[in-house]
C-alpha atoms as a PDB file:
ATOM      1  CA  CYS A   1      10.963  -0.314  12.050  1.00  0.00           C
ATOM      2  CA  THR A   2       7.214  -0.300  11.816  1.00  0.00           C
ATOM      3  CA  ASP A   3       5.268  -3.493  11.274  1.00  0.00           C
ATOM      4  CA  PHE A   4       1.705  -4.175  10.206  1.00  0.00           C
ATOM      5  CA  GLN A   5      -1.089  -3.619  12.691  1.00  0.00           C
ATOM      6  CA  THR A   6      -2.999  -6.509  14.262  1.00  0.00           C
ATOM      7  CA  ALA A   7      -6.772  -6.203  14.539  1.00  0.00           C
ATOM      8  CA  HIS A   8      -9.212  -8.221  16.631  1.00  0.00           C
ATOM      9  CA  PHE A   9     -11.058 -10.450  14.181  1.00  0.00           C
ATOM     10  CA  LEU A  10     -14.190 -10.926  16.305  1.00  0.00           C
ATOM     11  CA  ARG A  11     -14.944  -7.227  16.595  1.00  0.00           C
ATOM     12  CA  GLY A  12     -14.031  -6.216  13.077  1.00  0.00           C
ATOM     13  CA  SER A  13     -12.448  -2.834  12.733  1.00  0.00           C
ATOM     14  CA  LYS A  14     -12.721   0.640  11.337  1.00  0.00           C
ATOM     15  CA  LEU A  15     -10.421   1.578   8.494  1.00  0.00           C
ATOM     16  CA  ARG A  16      -6.978   2.714   9.604  1.00  0.00           C
ATOM     17  CA  VAL A  17      -4.357   3.006   6.850  1.00  0.00           C
ATOM     18  CA  GLN A  18      -0.568   2.959   7.218  1.00  0.00           C
ATOM     19  CA  PHE A  19       1.962   3.369   4.424  1.00  0.00           C
ATOM     20  CA  LEU A  20       5.202   1.458   5.035  1.00  0.00           C
ATOM     21  CA  LEU A  21       8.238   2.242   2.874  1.00  0.00           C
ATOM     22  CA  PHE A  22      10.823  -0.433   2.105  1.00  0.00           C
ATOM     23  CA  THR A  23      14.021   0.266   0.150  1.00  0.00           C
ATOM     24  CA  SER A  24      17.068  -1.745  -0.863  1.00  0.00           C
ATOM     25  CA  SER A  25      18.905  -0.211   2.104  1.00  0.00           C
ATOM     26  CA  SER A  26      16.152  -1.400   4.487  1.00  0.00           C
ATOM     27  CA  PRO A  27      14.340  -4.362   2.888  1.00  0.00           C
ATOM     28  CA  SER A  28      13.223  -5.834   6.221  1.00  0.00           C
ATOM     29  CA  CYS A  29      12.394  -2.635   8.033  1.00  0.00           C
ATOM     30  CA  GLY A  30       9.254  -0.730   7.090  1.00  0.00           C
ATOM     31  CA  GLU A  31       9.507   3.022   7.495  1.00  0.00           C
ATOM     32  CA  LEU A  32       6.163   4.533   8.484  1.00  0.00           C
ATOM     33  CA  ILE A  33       5.242   7.463   6.249  1.00  0.00           C
ATOM     34  CA  VAL A  34       3.174   9.896   8.316  1.00  0.00           C
ATOM     35  CA  ALA A  35       1.210  13.023   7.455  1.00  0.00           C
ATOM     36  CA  ASN A  36       2.168  15.504   4.760  1.00  0.00           C
ATOM     37  CA  ASP A  37       5.895  15.897   5.349  1.00  0.00           C
ATOM     38  CA  GLY A  38       6.474  12.216   6.062  1.00  0.00           C
ATOM     39  CA  ILE A  39       7.480  11.453   2.489  1.00  0.00           C
ATOM     40  CA  LYS A  40       9.955  14.332   2.300  1.00  0.00           C
ATOM     41  CA  ASN A  41      11.592  13.285   5.563  1.00  0.00           C
ATOM     42  CA  SER A  42      11.870   9.616   4.618  1.00  0.00           C
ATOM     43  CA  SER A  43      14.289   7.573   2.527  1.00  0.00           C
ATOM     44  CA  PHE A  44      11.836   7.690  -0.409  1.00  0.00           C
ATOM     45  CA  ASN A  45      13.686   8.360  -3.686  1.00  0.00           C
ATOM     46  CA  SER A  46      11.428  10.178  -6.166  1.00  0.00           C
ATOM     47  CA  SER A  47      13.688   9.284  -9.103  1.00  0.00           C
ATOM     48  CA  LEU A  48      13.033   5.543  -8.675  1.00  0.00           C
ATOM     49  CA  GLU A  49      10.023   3.487  -9.708  1.00  0.00           C
ATOM     50  CA  THR A  50       7.497   3.019  -6.913  1.00  0.00           C
ATOM     51  CA  LYS A  51       5.637  -0.226  -6.316  1.00  0.00           C
ATOM     52  CA  ILE A  52       2.582  -0.016  -4.070  1.00  0.00           C
ATOM     53  CA  ILE A  53       1.386  -3.324  -2.587  1.00  0.00           C
ATOM     54  CA  ILE A  54      -2.220  -3.610  -1.382  1.00  0.00           C
ATOM     55  CA  HIS A  55      -3.316  -6.727   0.518  1.00  0.00           C
ATOM     56  CA  GLY A  56      -6.870  -8.026   0.599  1.00  0.00           C
ATOM     57  CA  PHE A  57      -9.316  -9.288   3.215  1.00  0.00           C
ATOM     58  CA  ARG A  58      -7.687 -10.422   6.468  1.00  0.00           C
ATOM     59  CA  ALA A  59     -10.107 -12.805   8.199  1.00  0.00           C
ATOM     60  CA  LEU A  60      -8.007 -13.121  11.361  1.00  0.00           C
ATOM     61  CA  GLY A  61      -6.733  -9.540  11.558  1.00  0.00           C
ATOM     62  CA  THR A  62      -3.094 -10.448  11.007  1.00  0.00           C
ATOM     63  CA  LYS A  63      -0.344  -9.326   8.665  1.00  0.00           C
ATOM     64  CA  PRO A  64      -0.380 -11.161   5.320  1.00  0.00           C
ATOM     65  CA  SER A  65       2.291 -13.880   5.485  1.00  0.00           C
ATOM     66  CA  TRP A  66       3.375 -13.256   1.875  1.00  0.00           C
ATOM     67  CA  ILE A  67       4.159  -9.521   2.242  1.00  0.00           C
ATOM     68  CA  GLU A  68       7.771  -9.882   3.387  1.00  0.00           C
ATOM     69  CA  GLY A  69       8.570 -12.379   0.638  1.00  0.00           C
ATOM     70  CA  LEU A  70       7.134 -10.134  -2.065  1.00  0.00           C
ATOM     71  CA  VAL A  71       8.952  -7.054  -0.742  1.00  0.00           C
ATOM     72  CA  HIS A  72      12.258  -8.968  -0.617  1.00  0.00           C
ATOM     73  CA  ALA A  73      11.748 -10.422  -4.111  1.00  0.00           C
ATOM     74  CA  ILE A  74      11.069  -6.996  -5.600  1.00  0.00           C
ATOM     75  CA  LEU A  75      14.001  -5.330  -3.842  1.00  0.00           C
ATOM     76  CA  HIS A  76      16.322  -8.236  -4.713  1.00  0.00           C
ATOM     77  CA  THR A  77      15.691  -7.698  -8.427  1.00  0.00           C
ATOM     78  CA  SER A  78      15.113  -3.941  -8.686  1.00  0.00           C
ATOM     79  CA  GLN A  79      16.269  -0.645  -7.234  1.00  0.00           C
ATOM     80  CA  VAL A  80      12.814   0.760  -6.384  1.00  0.00           C
ATOM     81  CA  ASN A  81      10.667   2.173  -3.607  1.00  0.00           C
ATOM     82  CA  VAL A  82       8.223  -0.402  -2.240  1.00  0.00           C
ATOM     83  CA  ILE A  83       5.261   0.888  -0.284  1.00  0.00           C
ATOM     84  CA  ALA A  84       3.113  -1.657   1.524  1.00  0.00           C
ATOM     85  CA  VAL A  85      -0.364  -0.396   2.315  1.00  0.00           C
ATOM     86  CA  ASP A  86      -1.396  -1.718   5.716  1.00  0.00           C
ATOM     87  CA  TRP A  87      -5.156  -1.685   6.085  1.00  0.00           C
ATOM     88  CA  VAL A  88      -5.460  -4.650   8.434  1.00  0.00           C
ATOM     89  CA  TYR A  89      -7.759  -2.347  10.432  1.00  0.00           C
ATOM     90  CA  GLY A  90     -10.583  -2.197   7.944  1.00  0.00           C
ATOM     91  CA  SER A  91      -9.971  -5.515   6.199  1.00  0.00           C
ATOM     92  CA  THR A  92     -10.824  -7.647   9.225  1.00  0.00           C
ATOM     93  CA  GLY A  93     -14.105  -9.036  10.539  1.00  0.00           C
ATOM     94  CA  ALA A  94     -16.965  -9.844   8.208  1.00  0.00           C
ATOM     95  CA  TYR A  95     -16.099  -9.722   4.505  1.00  0.00           C
ATOM     96  CA  PRO A  96     -18.947  -7.281   3.678  1.00  0.00           C
ATOM     97  CA  SER A  97     -17.486  -4.839   6.226  1.00  0.00           C
ATOM     98  CA  ALA A  98     -14.115  -4.975   4.474  1.00  0.00           C
ATOM     99  CA  VAL A  99     -15.821  -4.402   1.117  1.00  0.00           C
ATOM    100  CA  GLU A 100     -17.519  -1.298   2.547  1.00  0.00           C
ATOM    101  CA  ASN A 101     -14.049   0.164   3.211  1.00  0.00           C
ATOM    102  CA  VAL A 102     -12.759  -0.308  -0.347  1.00  0.00           C
ATOM    103  CA  ILE A 103     -13.752   3.104  -1.729  1.00  0.00           C
ATOM    104  CA  GLN A 104     -12.399   5.031   1.275  1.00  0.00           C
ATOM    105  CA  LEU A 105      -9.163   3.035   1.115  1.00  0.00           C
ATOM    106  CA  ALA A 106      -8.805   3.720  -2.612  1.00  0.00           C
ATOM    107  CA  LEU A 107      -9.330   7.440  -1.945  1.00  0.00           C
ATOM    108  CA  SER A 108      -6.640   7.374   0.784  1.00  0.00           C
ATOM    109  CA  ILE A 109      -4.164   5.673  -1.541  1.00  0.00           C
ATOM    110  CA  SER A 110      -5.052   8.078  -4.364  1.00  0.00           C
ATOM    111  CA  GLU A 111      -4.385  11.022  -2.068  1.00  0.00           C
ATOM    112  CA  PHE A 112      -1.054   9.467  -1.076  1.00  0.00           C
ATOM    113  CA  ILE A 113      -0.132   9.056  -4.754  1.00  0.00           C
ATOM    114  CA  SER A 114      -1.073  12.697  -5.395  1.00  0.00           C
ATOM    115  CA  LYS A 115       1.466  13.670  -2.718  1.00  0.00           C
ATOM    116  CA  LEU A 116       4.083  11.566  -4.514  1.00  0.00           C
ATOM    117  CA  LEU A 117       3.250  13.301  -7.795  1.00  0.00           C
ATOM    118  CA  ALA A 118       3.647  16.691  -6.089  1.00  0.00           C
ATOM    119  CA  LEU A 119       7.191  15.629  -5.153  1.00  0.00           C
ATOM    120  CA  GLY A 120       8.002  15.063  -8.811  1.00  0.00           C
ATOM    121  CA  VAL A 121       7.295  11.348  -9.072  1.00  0.00           C
ATOM    122  CA  SER A 122       6.290  10.379 -12.603  1.00  0.00           C
ATOM    123  CA  ARG A 123       2.819   8.832 -13.019  1.00  0.00           C
ATOM    124  CA  THR A 124       4.314   6.204 -15.296  1.00  0.00           C
ATOM    125  CA  SER A 125       6.778   5.116 -12.589  1.00  0.00           C
ATOM    126  CA  ILE A 126       3.974   3.996 -10.261  1.00  0.00           C
ATOM    127  CA  HIS A 127       3.080   0.297 -10.245  1.00  0.00           C
ATOM    128  CA  ILE A 128       0.191  -0.857  -8.075  1.00  0.00           C
ATOM    129  CA  ILE A 129       0.127  -4.520  -7.066  1.00  0.00           C
ATOM    130  CA  GLY A 130      -3.174  -5.560  -5.509  1.00  0.00           C
ATOM    131  CA  VAL A 131      -3.908  -9.001  -4.109  1.00  0.00           C
ATOM    132  CA  SER A 132      -7.472 -10.331  -3.823  1.00  0.00           C
ATOM    133  CA  LEU A 133      -9.712  -7.518  -2.546  1.00  0.00           C
ATOM    134  CA  GLY A 134      -6.614  -5.303  -2.804  1.00  0.00           C
ATOM    135  CA  ALA A 135      -6.732  -5.820  -6.582  1.00  0.00           C
ATOM    136  CA  HIS A 136     -10.169  -4.192  -6.641  1.00  0.00           C
ATOM    137  CA  VAL A 137      -8.773  -1.324  -4.577  1.00  0.00           C
ATOM    138  CA  GLY A 138      -5.899  -0.957  -7.060  1.00  0.00           C
ATOM    139  CA  GLY A 139      -8.354  -0.764  -9.944  1.00  0.00           C
ATOM    140  CA  LEU A 140     -10.274   2.010  -8.196  1.00  0.00           C
ATOM    141  CA  VAL A 141      -7.047   3.909  -7.513  1.00  0.00           C
ATOM    142  CA  GLY A 142      -6.264   3.683 -11.226  1.00  0.00           C
ATOM    143  CA  HIS A 143      -9.752   4.960 -12.026  1.00  0.00           C
ATOM    144  CA  PHE A 144      -9.336   7.900  -9.628  1.00  0.00           C
ATOM    145  CA  HIS A 145      -6.118   8.782 -11.482  1.00  0.00           C
ATOM    146  CA  GLU A 146      -7.955   8.571 -14.818  1.00  0.00           C
ATOM    147  CA  GLY A 147      -6.046   5.498 -15.984  1.00  0.00           C
ATOM    148  CA  ARG A 148      -2.750   7.401 -16.177  1.00  0.00           C
ATOM    149  CA  LEU A 149      -0.668   5.429 -13.680  1.00  0.00           C
ATOM    150  CA  GLY A 150       2.150   3.306 -15.047  1.00  0.00           C
ATOM    151  CA  ARG A 151       0.863  -0.160 -14.274  1.00  0.00           C
ATOM    152  CA  ILE A 152      -1.684  -2.025 -12.193  1.00  0.00           C
ATOM    153  CA  THR A 153      -1.340  -5.726 -11.452  1.00  0.00           C
ATOM    154  CA  GLY A 154      -4.210  -7.648  -9.880  1.00  0.00           C
ATOM    155  CA  ILE A 155      -3.433 -10.986  -8.293  1.00  0.00           C
END
C-alpha cells in the first residue's frame, strides 16, 4: 500500500505528484502508479470507468481526511478505477504558493490521462472530481483535453 505524502507546513513545498489507484479488490490500499509502464503493470482495468479525485489546498501538509470515505463510497456503489491525485507536496504552505502550482499540476494530470487514453481508455469514461482548489485544477485538465472528457465535478 502507498499512502499520501506528508509535507512540512512551515516550509511549504515544491510540487510532487503521486497517482494512487484504488479498486474494488483493494479499496483501502492505494497502488502507486509510477512512470510510463506503471499503469500497464497495475490492477488498472481500462474497460471500467475511471474517477480521478483531486484534493485542494492542504494548510497543514496532511492527507485530506475525507479521501478514504469518498474512495470507499465510490467503490461501494460502482465497479470503477479510482485514482487519487496526491499533491500534498505543492498544496502546502502559503495559499498563493499552492495556486502557483495549479497549472503544472493540471499538466501532470493531463499527461497521465493521455497515457490512459493510449491504453484504450475512452475519454467519456473519465470523471474528474475536484475539491476546492482541486476543482480549479480539474477544470484546467478538462480545458487541456478540449472539453472532451466524460465529466468534471467541482466541489
